[in-house]
PDB file of all heavy atoms in Angstrom:
ATOM      1  N   GLU A   1     121.394  78.058  87.326  1.00  0.00           N
ATOM      2  CA  GLU A   1     121.517  79.309  88.077  1.00  0.00           C
ATOM      3  C   GLU A   1     120.181  80.055  88.075  1.00  0.00           C
ATOM      4  O   GLU A   1     119.459  80.068  87.074  1.00  0.00           O
ATOM      5  CB  GLU A   1     122.596  80.184  87.447  1.00  0.00           C
ATOM      6  CG  GLU A   1     122.735  81.556  88.089  1.00  0.00           C
ATOM      7  CD  GLU A   1     123.728  82.433  87.362  1.00  0.00           C
ATOM      8  OE1 GLU A   1     124.105  82.077  86.227  1.00  0.00           O
ATOM      9  OE2 GLU A   1     124.123  83.469  87.916  1.00  0.00           O
ATOM     10  N   LEU A   2     119.869  80.704  89.193  1.00  0.00           N
ATOM     11  CA  LEU A   2     118.705  81.569  89.282  1.00  0.00           C
ATOM     12  C   LEU A   2     119.220  83.010  89.419  1.00  0.00           C
ATOM     13  O   LEU A   2     119.860  83.349  90.412  1.00  0.00           O
ATOM     14  CB  LEU A   2     117.832  81.200  90.475  1.00  0.00           C
ATOM     15  CG  LEU A   2     117.038  79.901  90.352  1.00  0.00           C
ATOM     16  CD1 LEU A   2     116.294  79.610  91.645  1.00  0.00           C
ATOM     17  CD2 LEU A   2     116.050  79.990  89.201  1.00  0.00           C
ATOM     18  N   ALA A   3     118.937  83.840  88.404  1.00  0.00           N
ATOM     19  CA  ALA A   3     119.408  85.220  88.416  1.00  0.00           C
ATOM     20  C   ALA A   3     118.692  85.998  89.524  1.00  0.00           C
ATOM     21  O   ALA A   3     117.624  85.621  90.015  1.00  0.00           O
ATOM     22  CB  ALA A   3     119.149  85.866  87.067  1.00  0.00           C
ATOM     23  N   PHE A   4     119.284  87.109  89.909  1.00  0.00           N
ATOM     24  CA  PHE A   4     118.720  87.924  90.983  1.00  0.00           C
ATOM     25  C   PHE A   4     117.335  88.433  90.596  1.00  0.00           C
ATOM     26  O   PHE A   4     117.122  88.955  89.502  1.00  0.00           O
ATOM     27  CB  PHE A   4     119.642  89.104  91.294  1.00  0.00           C
ATOM     28  CG  PHE A   4     120.867  88.691  92.065  1.00  0.00           C
ATOM     29  CD1 PHE A   4     122.079  88.561  91.429  1.00  0.00           C
ATOM     30  CD2 PHE A   4     120.783  88.434  93.421  1.00  0.00           C
ATOM     31  CE1 PHE A   4     123.206  88.175  92.136  1.00  0.00           C
ATOM     32  CE2 PHE A   4     121.914  88.030  94.138  1.00  0.00           C
ATOM     33  CZ  PHE A   4     123.121  87.903  93.492  1.00  0.00           C
ATOM     34  N   HIS A   5     116.401  88.311  91.528  1.00  0.00           N
ATOM     35  CA  HIS A   5     115.014  88.713  91.279  1.00  0.00           C
ATOM     36  C   HIS A   5     114.292  88.869  92.604  1.00  0.00           C
ATOM     37  O   HIS A   5     114.812  88.531  93.664  1.00  0.00           O
ATOM     38  CB  HIS A   5     114.297  87.633  90.434  1.00  0.00           C
ATOM     39  CG  HIS A   5     114.162  86.316  91.130  1.00  0.00           C
ATOM     40  ND1 HIS A   5     115.227  85.438  91.295  1.00  0.00           N
ATOM     41  CD2 HIS A   5     113.095  85.729  91.730  1.00  0.00           C
ATOM     42  CE1 HIS A   5     114.825  84.382  91.961  1.00  0.00           C
ATOM     43  NE2 HIS A   5     113.530  84.519  92.238  1.00  0.00           N
ATOM     44  N   THR A   6     113.076  89.384  92.527  1.00  0.00           N
ATOM     45  CA  THR A   6     112.143  89.341  93.662  1.00  0.00           C
ATOM     46  C   THR A   6     111.001  88.425  93.298  1.00  0.00           C
ATOM     47  O   THR A   6     110.769  88.121  92.129  1.00  0.00           O
ATOM     48  CB  THR A   6     111.609  90.739  94.014  1.00  0.00           C
ATOM     49  OG1 THR A   6     111.086  91.348  92.832  1.00  0.00           O
ATOM     50  CG2 THR A   6     112.692  91.620  94.591  1.00  0.00           C
ATOM     51  N   ASP A   7     110.239  88.009  94.303  1.00  0.00           N
ATOM     52  CA  ASP A   7     109.050  87.200  94.063  1.00  0.00           C
ATOM     53  C   ASP A   7     107.819  88.119  94.076  1.00  0.00           C
ATOM     54  O   ASP A   7     107.942  89.337  94.075  1.00  0.00           O
ATOM     55  CB  ASP A   7     108.946  86.102  95.115  1.00  0.00           C
ATOM     56  CG  ASP A   7     109.946  84.966  94.855  1.00  0.00           C
ATOM     57  OD1 ASP A   7     110.621  84.993  93.814  1.00  0.00           O
ATOM     58  OD2 ASP A   7     110.045  84.062  95.711  1.00  0.00           O
ATOM     59  N   ASN A   8     106.654  87.520  94.068  1.00  0.00           N
ATOM     60  CA  ASN A   8     105.402  88.257  94.071  1.00  0.00           C
ATOM     61  C   ASN A   8     105.449  89.420  95.075  1.00  0.00           C
ATOM     62  O   ASN A   8     105.687  89.207  96.262  1.00  0.00           O
ATOM     63  CB  ASN A   8     104.268  87.294  94.438  1.00  0.00           C
ATOM     64  CG  ASN A   8     102.895  87.899  94.293  1.00  0.00           C
ATOM     65  OD1 ASN A   8     102.649  89.030  94.659  1.00  0.00           O
ATOM     66  ND2 ASN A   8     101.979  87.107  93.768  1.00  0.00           N
ATOM     67  N   PRO A   9     105.236  90.659  94.631  1.00  0.00           N
ATOM     68  CA  PRO A   9     105.415  91.811  95.527  1.00  0.00           C
ATOM     69  C   PRO A   9     104.374  91.905  96.634  1.00  0.00           C
ATOM     70  O   PRO A   9     104.550  92.700  97.562  1.00  0.00           O
ATOM     71  CB  PRO A   9     105.322  93.004  94.574  1.00  0.00           C
ATOM     72  CG  PRO A   9     104.526  92.529  93.413  1.00  0.00           C
ATOM     73  CD  PRO A   9     104.889  91.071  93.258  1.00  0.00           C
ATOM     74  N   THR A  10     103.299  91.113  96.582  1.00  0.00           N
ATOM     75  CA  THR A  10     102.349  91.113  97.699  1.00  0.00           C
ATOM     76  C   THR A  10     102.874  90.254  98.848  1.00  0.00           C
ATOM     77  O   THR A  10     102.269  90.254  99.931  1.00  0.00           O
ATOM     78  CB  THR A  10     100.979  90.587  97.254  1.00  0.00           C
ATOM     79  OG1 THR A  10     101.089  89.223  96.856  1.00  0.00           O
ATOM     80  CG2 THR A  10     100.438  91.421  96.096  1.00  0.00           C
ATOM     81  N   TRP A  11     103.944  89.522  98.615  1.00  0.00           N
ATOM     82  CA  TRP A  11     104.595  88.753  99.680  1.00  0.00           C
ATOM     83  C   TRP A  11     105.704  89.630 100.259  1.00  0.00           C
ATOM     84  O   TRP A  11     106.804  89.718  99.742  1.00  0.00           O
ATOM     85  CB  TRP A  11     105.212  87.467  99.136  1.00  0.00           C
ATOM     86  CG  TRP A  11     104.244  86.570  98.415  1.00  0.00           C
ATOM     87  CD1 TRP A  11     102.883  86.553  98.531  1.00  0.00           C
ATOM     88  CD2 TRP A  11     104.580  85.534  97.487  1.00  0.00           C
ATOM     89  NE1 TRP A  11     102.338  85.579  97.722  1.00  0.00           N
ATOM     90  CE2 TRP A  11     103.349  84.945  97.065  1.00  0.00           C
ATOM     91  CE3 TRP A  11     105.768  85.046  96.952  1.00  0.00           C
ATOM     92  CZ2 TRP A  11     103.311  83.891  96.150  1.00  0.00           C
ATOM     93  CZ3 TRP A  11     105.728  84.002  96.044  1.00  0.00           C
ATOM     94  CH2 TRP A  11     104.521  83.433  95.657  1.00  0.00           C
ATOM     95  N   ASN A  12     105.420  90.280 101.381  1.00  0.00           N
ATOM     96  CA  ASN A  12     106.397  91.195 101.978  1.00  0.00           C
ATOM     97  C   ASN A  12     107.648  90.468 102.458  1.00  0.00           C
ATOM     98  O   ASN A  12     108.757  90.985 102.353  1.00  0.00           O
ATOM     99  CB  ASN A  12     105.765  91.933 103.151  1.00  0.00           C
ATOM    100  CG  ASN A  12     104.435  92.553 102.816  1.00  0.00           C
ATOM    101  OD1 ASN A  12     103.440  91.839 102.690  1.00  0.00           O
ATOM    102  ND2 ASN A  12     104.407  93.851 102.644  1.00  0.00           N
ATOM    103  N   VAL A  13     107.446  89.285 103.011  1.00  0.00           N
ATOM    104  CA  VAL A  13     108.555  88.532 103.598  1.00  0.00           C
ATOM    105  C   VAL A  13     108.619  87.148 102.965  1.00  0.00           C
ATOM    106  O   VAL A  13     107.591  86.487 102.769  1.00  0.00           O
ATOM    107  CB  VAL A  13     108.387  88.398 105.133  1.00  0.00           C
ATOM    108  CG1 VAL A  13     109.471  87.491 105.711  1.00  0.00           C
ATOM    109  CG2 VAL A  13     108.438  89.768 105.790  1.00  0.00           C
ATOM    110  N   LEU A  14     109.826  86.729 102.629  1.00  0.00           N
ATOM    111  CA  LEU A  14     110.080  85.355 102.218  1.00  0.00           C
ATOM    112  C   LEU A  14     110.933  84.674 103.285  1.00  0.00           C
ATOM    113  O   LEU A  14     111.883  85.270 103.798  1.00  0.00           O
ATOM    114  CB  LEU A  14     110.820  85.309 100.884  1.00  0.00           C
ATOM    115  CG  LEU A  14     110.111  85.845  99.652  1.00  0.00           C
ATOM    116  CD1 LEU A  14     111.034  85.760  98.440  1.00  0.00           C
ATOM    117  CD2 LEU A  14     108.806  85.103  99.387  1.00  0.00           C
ATOM    118  N   GLY A  15     110.593  83.435 103.579  1.00  0.00           N
ATOM    119  CA  GLY A  15     111.382  82.662 104.526  1.00  0.00           C
ATOM    120  C   GLY A  15     111.758  81.322 103.919  1.00  0.00           C
ATOM    121  O   GLY A  15     110.947  80.700 103.215  1.00  0.00           O
ATOM    122  N   TRP A  16     112.992  80.893 104.150  1.00  0.00           N
ATOM    123  CA  TRP A  16     113.449  79.572 103.694  1.00  0.00           C
ATOM    124  C   TRP A  16     113.941  78.773 104.900  1.00  0.00           C
ATOM    125  O   TRP A  16     114.723  79.289 105.725  1.00  0.00           O
ATOM    126  CB  TRP A  16     114.585  79.689 102.690  1.00  0.00           C
ATOM    127  CG  TRP A  16     114.217  80.287 101.368  1.00  0.00           C
ATOM    128  CD1 TRP A  16     113.785  79.638 100.243  1.00  0.00           C
ATOM    129  CD2 TRP A  16     114.298  81.669 101.008  1.00  0.00           C
ATOM    130  NE1 TRP A  16     113.586  80.524  99.215  1.00  0.00           N
ATOM    131  CE2 TRP A  16     113.890  81.774  99.647  1.00  0.00           C
ATOM    132  CE3 TRP A  16     114.655  82.835 101.696  1.00  0.00           C
ATOM    133  CZ2 TRP A  16     113.828  82.992  98.981  1.00  0.00           C
ATOM    134  CZ3 TRP A  16     114.600  84.054 101.040  1.00  0.00           C
ATOM    135  CH2 TRP A  16     114.185  84.121  99.689  1.00  0.00           C
ATOM    136  N   TYR A  17     113.527  77.533 104.956  1.00  0.00           N
ATOM    137  CA  TYR A  17     114.009  76.607 105.988  1.00  0.00           C
ATOM    138  C   TYR A  17     114.794  75.510 105.301  1.00  0.00           C
ATOM    139  O   TYR A  17     114.316  74.889 104.338  1.00  0.00           O
ATOM    140  CB  TYR A  17     112.820  76.023 106.748  1.00  0.00           C
ATOM    141  CG  TYR A  17     113.208  75.041 107.829  1.00  0.00           C
ATOM    142  CD1 TYR A  17     113.560  75.484 109.109  1.00  0.00           C
ATOM    143  CD2 TYR A  17     113.205  73.665 107.579  1.00  0.00           C
ATOM    144  CE1 TYR A  17     113.910  74.581 110.098  1.00  0.00           C
ATOM    145  CE2 TYR A  17     113.549  72.754 108.572  1.00  0.00           C
ATOM    146  CZ  TYR A  17     113.889  73.220 109.833  1.00  0.00           C
ATOM    147  OH  TYR A  17     114.246  72.327 110.817  1.00  0.00           O
ATOM    148  N   CYS A  18     115.991  75.255 105.783  1.00  0.00           N
ATOM    149  CA  CYS A  18     116.856  74.261 105.150  1.00  0.00           C
ATOM    150  C   CYS A  18     116.604  72.877 105.752  1.00  0.00           C
ATOM    151  O   CYS A  18     116.834  72.641 106.934  1.00  0.00           O
ATOM    152  CB  CYS A  18     118.324  74.647 105.330  1.00  0.00           C
ATOM    153  SG  CYS A  18     119.475  73.480 104.554  1.00  0.00           S
ATOM    154  N   VAL A  19     116.111  71.982 104.895  1.00  0.00           N
ATOM    155  CA  VAL A  19     115.951  70.581 105.278  1.00  0.00           C
ATOM    156  C   VAL A  19     117.249  69.841 104.998  1.00  0.00           C
ATOM    157  O   VAL A  19     117.749  69.088 105.837  1.00  0.00           O
ATOM    158  CB  VAL A  19     114.782  69.930 104.503  1.00  0.00           C
ATOM    159  CG1 VAL A  19     114.664  68.446 104.866  1.00  0.00           C
ATOM    160  CG2 VAL A  19     113.481  70.661 104.790  1.00  0.00           C
ATOM    161  N   GLU A  20     117.808  70.057 103.811  1.00  0.00           N
ATOM    162  CA  GLU A  20     119.077  69.441 103.436  1.00  0.00           C
ATOM    163  C   GLU A  20     119.781  70.385 102.472  1.00  0.00           C
ATOM    164  O   GLU A  20     119.147  70.978 101.594  1.00  0.00           O
ATOM    165  CB  GLU A  20     118.844  68.085 102.774  1.00  0.00           C
ATOM    166  CG  GLU A  20     120.133  67.310 102.506  1.00  0.00           C
ATOM    167  CD  GLU A  20     119.870  65.858 102.127  1.00  0.00           C
ATOM    168  OE1 GLU A  20     118.701  65.429 102.175  1.00  0.00           O
ATOM    169  OE2 GLU A  20     120.842  65.151 101.781  1.00  0.00           O
ATOM    170  N   GLN A  21     121.088  70.526 102.627  1.00  0.00           N
ATOM    171  CA  GLN A  21     121.861  71.446 101.805  1.00  0.00           C
ATOM    172  C   GLN A  21     122.671  70.679 100.761  1.00  0.00           C
ATOM    173  O   GLN A  21     123.041  69.510 100.984  1.00  0.00           O
ATOM    174  CB  GLN A  21     122.806  72.297 102.678  1.00  0.00           C
ATOM    175  CG  GLN A  21     123.584  73.377 101.963  1.00  0.00           C
ATOM    176  CD  GLN A  21     122.712  74.352 101.201  1.00  0.00           C
ATOM    177  OE1 GLN A  21     122.338  74.087 100.061  1.00  0.00           O
ATOM    178  NE2 GLN A  21     122.390  75.468 101.848  1.00  0.00           N
ATOM    179  N   ASP A  22     122.915  71.351  99.634  1.00  0.00           N
ATOM    180  CA  ASP A  22     123.787  70.775  98.617  1.00  0.00           C
ATOM    181  C   ASP A  22     125.184  70.581  99.202  1.00  0.00           C
ATOM    182  O   ASP A  22     125.646  71.358 100.027  1.00  0.00           O
ATOM    183  CB  ASP A  22     123.849  71.704  97.413  1.00  0.00           C
ATOM    184  CG  ASP A  22     124.649  71.115  96.260  1.00  0.00           C
ATOM    185  OD1 ASP A  22     124.064  70.403  95.440  1.00  0.00           O
ATOM    186  OD2 ASP A  22     125.876  71.381  96.210  1.00  0.00           O
ATOM    187  N   GLU A  23     125.863  69.548  98.752  1.00  0.00           N
ATOM    188  CA  GLU A  23     127.169  69.222  99.319  1.00  0.00           C
ATOM    189  C   GLU A  23     128.194  70.302  99.017  1.00  0.00           C
ATOM    190  O   GLU A  23     129.078  70.587  99.854  1.00  0.00           O
ATOM    191  CB  GLU A  23     127.655  67.879  98.778  1.00  0.00           C
ATOM    192  CG  GLU A  23     128.948  67.387  99.404  1.00  0.00           C
ATOM    193  CD  GLU A  23     129.342  66.009  98.910  1.00  0.00           C
ATOM    194  OE1 GLU A  23     128.567  65.398  98.138  1.00  0.00           O
ATOM    195  OE2 GLU A  23     130.452  65.554  99.268  1.00  0.00           O
ATOM    196  N   HIS A  24     128.110  70.917  97.855  1.00  0.00           N
ATOM    197  CA  HIS A  24     129.149  71.859  97.454  1.00  0.00           C
ATOM    198  C   HIS A  24     128.629  73.267  97.150  1.00  0.00           C
ATOM    199  O   HIS A  24     129.372  74.235  97.330  1.00  0.00           O
ATOM    200  CB  HIS A  24     129.864  71.332  96.194  1.00  0.00           C
ATOM    201  CG  HIS A  24     130.453  69.979  96.364  1.00  0.00           C
ATOM    202  ND1 HIS A  24     131.533  69.730  97.197  1.00  0.00           N
ATOM    203  CD2 HIS A  24     130.122  68.770  95.833  1.00  0.00           C
ATOM    204  CE1 HIS A  24     131.845  68.446  97.162  1.00  0.00           C
ATOM    205  NE2 HIS A  24     131.000  67.844  96.341  1.00  0.00           N
ATOM    206  N   ALA A  25     127.403  73.389  96.657  1.00  0.00           N
ATOM    207  CA  ALA A  25     126.890  74.693  96.219  1.00  0.00           C
ATOM    208  C   ALA A  25     125.582  74.999  96.953  1.00  0.00           C
ATOM    209  O   ALA A  25     125.350  74.516  98.043  1.00  0.00           O
ATOM    210  CB  ALA A  25     126.678  74.687  94.704  1.00  0.00           C
ATOM    211  N   GLY A  26     124.738  75.856  96.346  1.00  0.00           N
ATOM    212  CA  GLY A  26     123.432  76.126  96.928  1.00  0.00           C
ATOM    213  C   GLY A  26     123.381  77.291  97.882  1.00  0.00           C
ATOM    214  O   GLY A  26     122.359  77.497  98.563  1.00  0.00           O
ATOM    215  N   ASN A  27     124.457  78.105  97.960  1.00  0.00           N
ATOM    216  CA  ASN A  27     124.417  79.262  98.852  1.00  0.00           C
ATOM    217  C   ASN A  27     123.339  80.250  98.409  1.00  0.00           C
ATOM    218  O   ASN A  27     123.082  80.416  97.220  1.00  0.00           O
ATOM    219  CB  ASN A  27     125.776  79.966  98.869  1.00  0.00           C
ATOM    220  CG  ASN A  27     126.849  79.124  99.525  1.00  0.00           C
ATOM    221  OD1 ASN A  27     126.598  77.984  99.927  1.00  0.00           O
ATOM    222  ND2 ASN A  27     128.049  79.668  99.635  1.00  0.00           N
ATOM    223  N   SER A  28     122.724  80.915  99.365  1.00  0.00           N
ATOM    224  CA  SER A  28     121.743  81.953  99.096  1.00  0.00           C
ATOM    225  C   SER A  28     122.462  83.262  98.844  1.00  0.00           C
ATOM    226  O   SER A  28     123.337  83.667  99.621  1.00  0.00           O
ATOM    227  CB  SER A  28     120.771  82.106 100.280  1.00  0.00           C
ATOM    228  OG  SER A  28     120.088  80.894 100.514  1.00  0.00           O
ATOM    229  N   LEU A  29     122.104  83.940  97.750  1.00  0.00           N
ATOM    230  CA  LEU A  29     122.764  85.185  97.349  1.00  0.00           C
ATOM    231  C   LEU A  29     121.760  86.325  97.413  1.00  0.00           C
ATOM    232  O   LEU A  29     120.628  86.199  96.917  1.00  0.00           O
ATOM    233  CB  LEU A  29     123.310  85.064  95.924  1.00  0.00           C
ATOM    234  CG  LEU A  29     124.205  83.845  95.651  1.00  0.00           C
ATOM    235  CD1 LEU A  29     124.601  83.799  94.176  1.00  0.00           C
ATOM    236  CD2 LEU A  29     125.430  83.848  96.556  1.00  0.00           C
ATOM    237  N   LEU A  30     122.158  87.449  98.001  1.00  0.00           N
ATOM    238  CA  LEU A  30     121.267  88.589  98.200  1.00  0.00           C
ATOM    239  C   LEU A  30     121.928  89.879  97.737  1.00  0.00           C
ATOM    240  O   LEU A  30     123.143  90.043  97.841  1.00  0.00           O
ATOM    241  CB  LEU A  30     120.891  88.736  99.682  1.00  0.00           C
ATOM    242  CG  LEU A  30     120.268  87.525 100.403  1.00  0.00           C
ATOM    243  CD1 LEU A  30     120.091  87.842 101.875  1.00  0.00           C
ATOM    244  CD2 LEU A  30     118.951  87.133  99.766  1.00  0.00           C
ATOM    245  N   LEU A  31     121.100  90.793  97.232  1.00  0.00           N
ATOM    246  CA  LEU A  31     121.527  92.158  96.930  1.00  0.00           C
ATOM    247  C   LEU A  31     120.514  93.113  97.564  1.00  0.00           C
ATOM    248  O   LEU A  31     119.296  92.929  97.416  1.00  0.00           O
ATOM    249  CB  LEU A  31     121.566  92.415  95.416  1.00  0.00           C
ATOM    250  CG  LEU A  31     122.607  91.648  94.595  1.00  0.00           C
ATOM    251  CD1 LEU A  31     122.466  92.021  93.125  1.00  0.00           C
ATOM    252  CD2 LEU A  31     124.023  91.923  95.092  1.00  0.00           C
ATOM    253  N   ASP A  32     121.024  94.142  98.223  1.00  0.00           N
ATOM    254  CA  ASP A  32     120.187  95.117  98.911  1.00  0.00           C
ATOM    255  C   ASP A  32     119.969  96.344  98.021  1.00  0.00           C
ATOM    256  O   ASP A  32     120.937  97.004  97.622  1.00  0.00           O
ATOM    257  CB  ASP A  32     120.872  95.537 100.227  1.00  0.00           C
ATOM    258  CG  ASP A  32     119.963  96.376 101.116  1.00  0.00           C
ATOM    259  OD1 ASP A  32     118.876  96.779 100.676  1.00  0.00           O
ATOM    260  OD2 ASP A  32     120.366  96.640 102.266  1.00  0.00           O
ATOM    261  N   LEU A  33     118.708  96.660  97.726  1.00  0.00           N
ATOM    262  CA  LEU A  33     118.387  97.793  96.841  1.00  0.00           C
ATOM    263  C   LEU A  33     117.944  99.027  97.627  1.00  0.00           C
ATOM    264  O   LEU A  33     117.372  99.955  97.053  1.00  0.00           O
ATOM    265  CB  LEU A  33     117.294  97.395  95.852  1.00  0.00           C
ATOM    266  CG  LEU A  33     117.553  96.184  94.968  1.00  0.00           C
ATOM    267  CD1 LEU A  33     116.496  96.110  93.865  1.00  0.00           C
ATOM    268  CD2 LEU A  33     118.955  96.217  94.366  1.00  0.00           C
ATOM    269  N   ARG A  34     118.222  99.062  98.887  1.00  0.00           N
ATOM    270  CA  ARG A  34     117.739 100.166  99.727  1.00  0.00           C
ATOM    271  C   ARG A  34     118.232 101.533  99.277  1.00  0.00           C
ATOM    272  O   ARG A  34     117.561 102.537  99.466  1.00  0.00           O
ATOM    273  CB  ARG A  34     118.170  99.926 101.175  1.00  0.00           C
ATOM    274  CG  ARG A  34     117.547 100.873 102.172  1.00  0.00           C
ATOM    275  CD  ARG A  34     117.954 100.536 103.578  1.00  0.00           C
ATOM    276  NE  ARG A  34     117.157 101.228 104.571  1.00  0.00           N
ATOM    277  CZ  ARG A  34     117.277 101.075 105.877  1.00  0.00           C
ATOM    278  NH1 ARG A  34     118.187 100.227 106.352  1.00  0.00           N
ATOM    279  NH2 ARG A  34     116.518 101.734 106.728  1.00  0.00           N
ATOM    280  N   ASP A  35     119.408 101.592  98.670  1.00  0.00           N
ATOM    281  CA  ASP A  35     120.009 102.877  98.305  1.00  0.00           C
ATOM    282  C   ASP A  35     119.686 103.322  96.901  1.00  0.00           C
ATOM    283  O   ASP A  35     120.342 104.188  96.349  1.00  0.00           O
ATOM    284  CB  ASP A  35     121.532 102.809  98.484  1.00  0.00           C
ATOM    285  CG  ASP A  35     122.172 101.702  97.637  1.00  0.00           C
ATOM    286  OD1 ASP A  35     121.458 100.780  97.246  1.00  0.00           O
ATOM    287  OD2 ASP A  35     123.386 101.772  97.395  1.00  0.00           O
ATOM    288  N   VAL A  36     118.624 102.784  96.301  1.00  0.00           N
ATOM    289  CA  VAL A  36     118.330 103.093  94.899  1.00  0.00           C
ATOM    290  C   VAL A  36     118.150 104.587  94.662  1.00  0.00           C
ATOM    291  O   VAL A  36     118.606 105.132  93.649  1.00  0.00           O
ATOM    292  CB  VAL A  36     117.078 102.313  94.429  1.00  0.00           C
ATOM    293  CG1 VAL A  36     115.838 102.685  95.229  1.00  0.00           C
ATOM    294  CG2 VAL A  36     116.847 102.492  92.940  1.00  0.00           C
ATOM    295  N   ASP A  37     117.542 105.303  95.611  1.00  0.00           N
ATOM    296  CA  ASP A  37     117.294 106.729  95.380  1.00  0.00           C
ATOM    297  C   ASP A  37     118.525 107.586  95.651  1.00  0.00           C
ATOM    298  O   ASP A  37     118.504 108.806  95.400  1.00  0.00           O
ATOM    299  CB  ASP A  37     116.120 107.203  96.228  1.00  0.00           C
ATOM    300  CG  ASP A  37     116.338 107.008  97.719  1.00  0.00           C
ATOM    301  OD1 ASP A  37     117.289 106.273  98.103  1.00  0.00           O
ATOM    302  OD2 ASP A  37     115.559 107.571  98.520  1.00  0.00           O
ATOM    303  N   ARG A  38     119.599 106.981  96.141  1.00  0.00           N
ATOM    304  CA  ARG A  38     120.861 107.731  96.314  1.00  0.00           C
ATOM    305  C   ARG A  38     121.787 107.514  95.125  1.00  0.00           C
ATOM    306  O   ARG A  38     122.814 108.186  95.023  1.00  0.00           O
ATOM    307  CB  ARG A  38     121.559 107.293  97.605  1.00  0.00           C
ATOM    308  CG  ARG A  38     120.764 107.615  98.863  1.00  0.00           C
ATOM    309  CD  ARG A  38     121.626 107.555 100.109  1.00  0.00           C
ATOM    310  NE  ARG A  38     122.128 106.230 100.383  1.00  0.00           N
ATOM    311  CZ  ARG A  38     121.486 105.326 101.121  1.00  0.00           C
ATOM    312  NH1 ARG A  38     120.297 105.615 101.631  1.00  0.00           N
ATOM    313  NH2 ARG A  38     122.013 104.131 101.354  1.00  0.00           N
ATOM    314  N   VAL A  39     121.421 106.600  94.243  1.00  0.00           N
ATOM    315  CA  VAL A  39     122.258 106.270  93.096  1.00  0.00           C
ATOM    316  C   VAL A  39     121.696 106.882  91.813  1.00  0.00           C
ATOM    317  O   VAL A  39     122.447 107.373  90.973  1.00  0.00           O
ATOM    318  CB  VAL A  39     122.390 104.735  92.946  1.00  0.00           C
ATOM    319  CG1 VAL A  39     123.153 104.366  91.686  1.00  0.00           C
ATOM    320  CG2 VAL A  39     123.055 104.137  94.188  1.00  0.00           C
ATOM    321  N   PHE A  40     120.385 106.866  91.689  1.00  0.00           N
ATOM    322  CA  PHE A  40     119.744 107.339  90.474  1.00  0.00           C
ATOM    323  C   PHE A  40     119.195 108.753  90.669  1.00  0.00           C
ATOM    324  O   PHE A  40     118.762 109.110  91.770  1.00  0.00           O
ATOM    325  CB  PHE A  40     118.614 106.382  90.065  1.00  0.00           C
ATOM    326  CG  PHE A  40     119.106 105.041  89.625  1.00  0.00           C
ATOM    327  CD1 PHE A  40     119.294 104.013  90.534  1.00  0.00           C
ATOM    328  CD2 PHE A  40     119.417 104.796  88.293  1.00  0.00           C
ATOM    329  CE1 PHE A  40     119.769 102.774  90.145  1.00  0.00           C
ATOM    330  CE2 PHE A  40     119.886 103.557  87.881  1.00  0.00           C
ATOM    331  CZ  PHE A  40     120.061 102.538  88.805  1.00  0.00           C
ATOM    332  N   SER A  41     119.197 109.520  89.607  1.00  0.00           N
ATOM    333  CA  SER A  41     118.683 110.882  89.649  1.00  0.00           C
ATOM    334  C   SER A  41     117.166 110.868  89.788  1.00  0.00           C
ATOM    335  O   SER A  41     116.519 109.826  89.572  1.00  0.00           O
ATOM    336  CB  SER A  41     119.072 111.635  88.382  1.00  0.00           C
ATOM    337  OG  SER A  41     118.391 111.088  87.260  1.00  0.00           O
ATOM    338  N   ALA A  42     116.598 112.025  90.116  1.00  0.00           N
ATOM    339  CA  ALA A  42     115.142 112.127  90.239  1.00  0.00           C
ATOM    340  C   ALA A  42     114.463 111.763  88.923  1.00  0.00           C
ATOM    341  O   ALA A  42     113.408 111.102  88.917  1.00  0.00           O
ATOM    342  CB  ALA A  42     114.756 113.536  90.671  1.00  0.00           C
ATOM    343  N   GLU A  43     115.052 112.157  87.808  1.00  0.00           N
ATOM    344  CA  GLU A  43     114.480 111.831  86.507  1.00  0.00           C
ATOM    345  C   GLU A  43     114.549 110.331  86.247  1.00  0.00           C
ATOM    346  O   GLU A  43     113.588 109.733  85.738  1.00  0.00           O
ATOM    347  CB  GLU A  43     115.243 112.566  85.405  1.00  0.00           C
ATOM    348  CG  GLU A  43     114.705 112.314  84.005  1.00  0.00           C
ATOM    349  CD  GLU A  43     115.461 113.061  82.939  1.00  0.00           C
ATOM    350  OE1 GLU A  43     116.386 113.834  83.272  1.00  0.00           O
ATOM    351  OE2 GLU A  43     115.145 112.855  81.746  1.00  0.00           O
ATOM    352  N   GLU A  44     115.665 109.709  86.615  1.00  0.00           N
ATOM    353  CA  GLU A  44     115.786 108.263  86.433  1.00  0.00           C
ATOM    354  C   GLU A  44     114.819 107.505  87.332  1.00  0.00           C
ATOM    355  O   GLU A  44     114.239 106.494  86.921  1.00  0.00           O
ATOM    356  CB  GLU A  44     117.225 107.828  86.688  1.00  0.00           C
ATOM    357  CG  GLU A  44     118.193 108.262  85.614  1.00  0.00           C
ATOM    358  CD  GLU A  44     119.635 107.979  86.003  1.00  0.00           C
ATOM    359  OE1 GLU A  44     119.974 108.117  87.190  1.00  0.00           O
ATOM    360  OE2 GLU A  44     120.431 107.649  85.102  1.00  0.00           O
TER     361      GLU A  44
END
């Protein structure tokens, strides 16, 4: 398993092209952090 993370922050965009997919698993999983400033206080 690969835990949720970002890659090098100088890479603004990541792109993946599928050559061959795993038969049963291998789905891409994403979490959107856009609302971080609506969840955490100014101090946090």
